[in-house]
Protein backbone atom coordinates (compact mmCIF):
# COMPACT_ATOMS: atom_id res chain seq x y z
CA ILE A 1 -10.30 -3.26 -5.57
CA ASP A 2 -12.80 -6.06 -5.05
CA GLY A 3 -15.27 -5.63 -2.20
CA ASP A 4 -13.08 -7.19 0.47
CA ASP A 5 -14.08 -5.63 3.79
CA GLU A 6 -10.79 -6.50 5.48
CA THR A 7 -8.78 -5.21 2.53
CA ASN A 8 -10.82 -2.03 2.25
CA LYS A 9 -10.39 -1.30 5.96
CA PHE A 10 -6.65 -1.91 5.68
CA VAL A 11 -6.32 0.33 2.63
CA GLU A 12 -8.36 3.06 4.33
CA PHE A 13 -6.18 2.83 7.46
CA TRP A 14 -3.02 2.75 5.33
CA PHE A 15 -3.97 5.93 3.46
CA ASN A 16 -4.91 7.66 6.72
CA GLN A 17 -1.49 6.80 8.12
CA ALA A 18 0.18 8.00 4.93
CA GLN A 19 -1.62 11.33 5.16
CA ARG A 20 -0.41 11.78 8.73
CA SER A 21 3.15 10.79 8.07
CA ALA A 22 5.09 11.56 4.90
CA ARG A 23 7.89 9.31 6.14
CA PHE A 24 5.45 6.41 6.37
CA ALA A 25 4.25 7.06 2.82
CA ILE A 26 7.80 7.15 1.47
CA ALA A 27 8.77 3.99 3.35
CA SER A 28 5.69 2.20 2.03
CA ALA A 29 6.42 3.30 -1.53
CA LEU A 30 9.99 2.03 -1.27
CA PHE A 31 8.72 -1.23 0.24
CA PHE A 32 6.26 -1.80 -2.61
CA ASN A 33 8.97 -0.88 -5.13
CA LYS A 34 11.08 -3.71 -3.69
CA LEU A 35 8.17 -6.14 -3.91
CA ILE A 36 7.41 -5.15 -7.49
CA SER A 37 11.05 -5.32 -8.60
CA ARG A 38 11.50 -8.74 -6.94
CA GLY A 39 8.41 -10.59 -8.15
CA ARG A 40 6.78 -8.35 -10.70
CA VAL A 41 3.34 -7.82 -9.20
CA GLU A 42 0.55 -8.09 -11.74
CA THR A 43 -2.22 -5.50 -11.38
CA ARG A 44 -5.44 -6.22 -13.26
């Protein structure tokens, strides 16, 4: 991940939330699966 302060803070917060709530983690995974399957997200 490039040094984007906003992005890093969001990712940090997101992972903290995921650790607290397994349901949140599962919902997020399903959400990203939908995004990837719709418009194949390129990760480089």
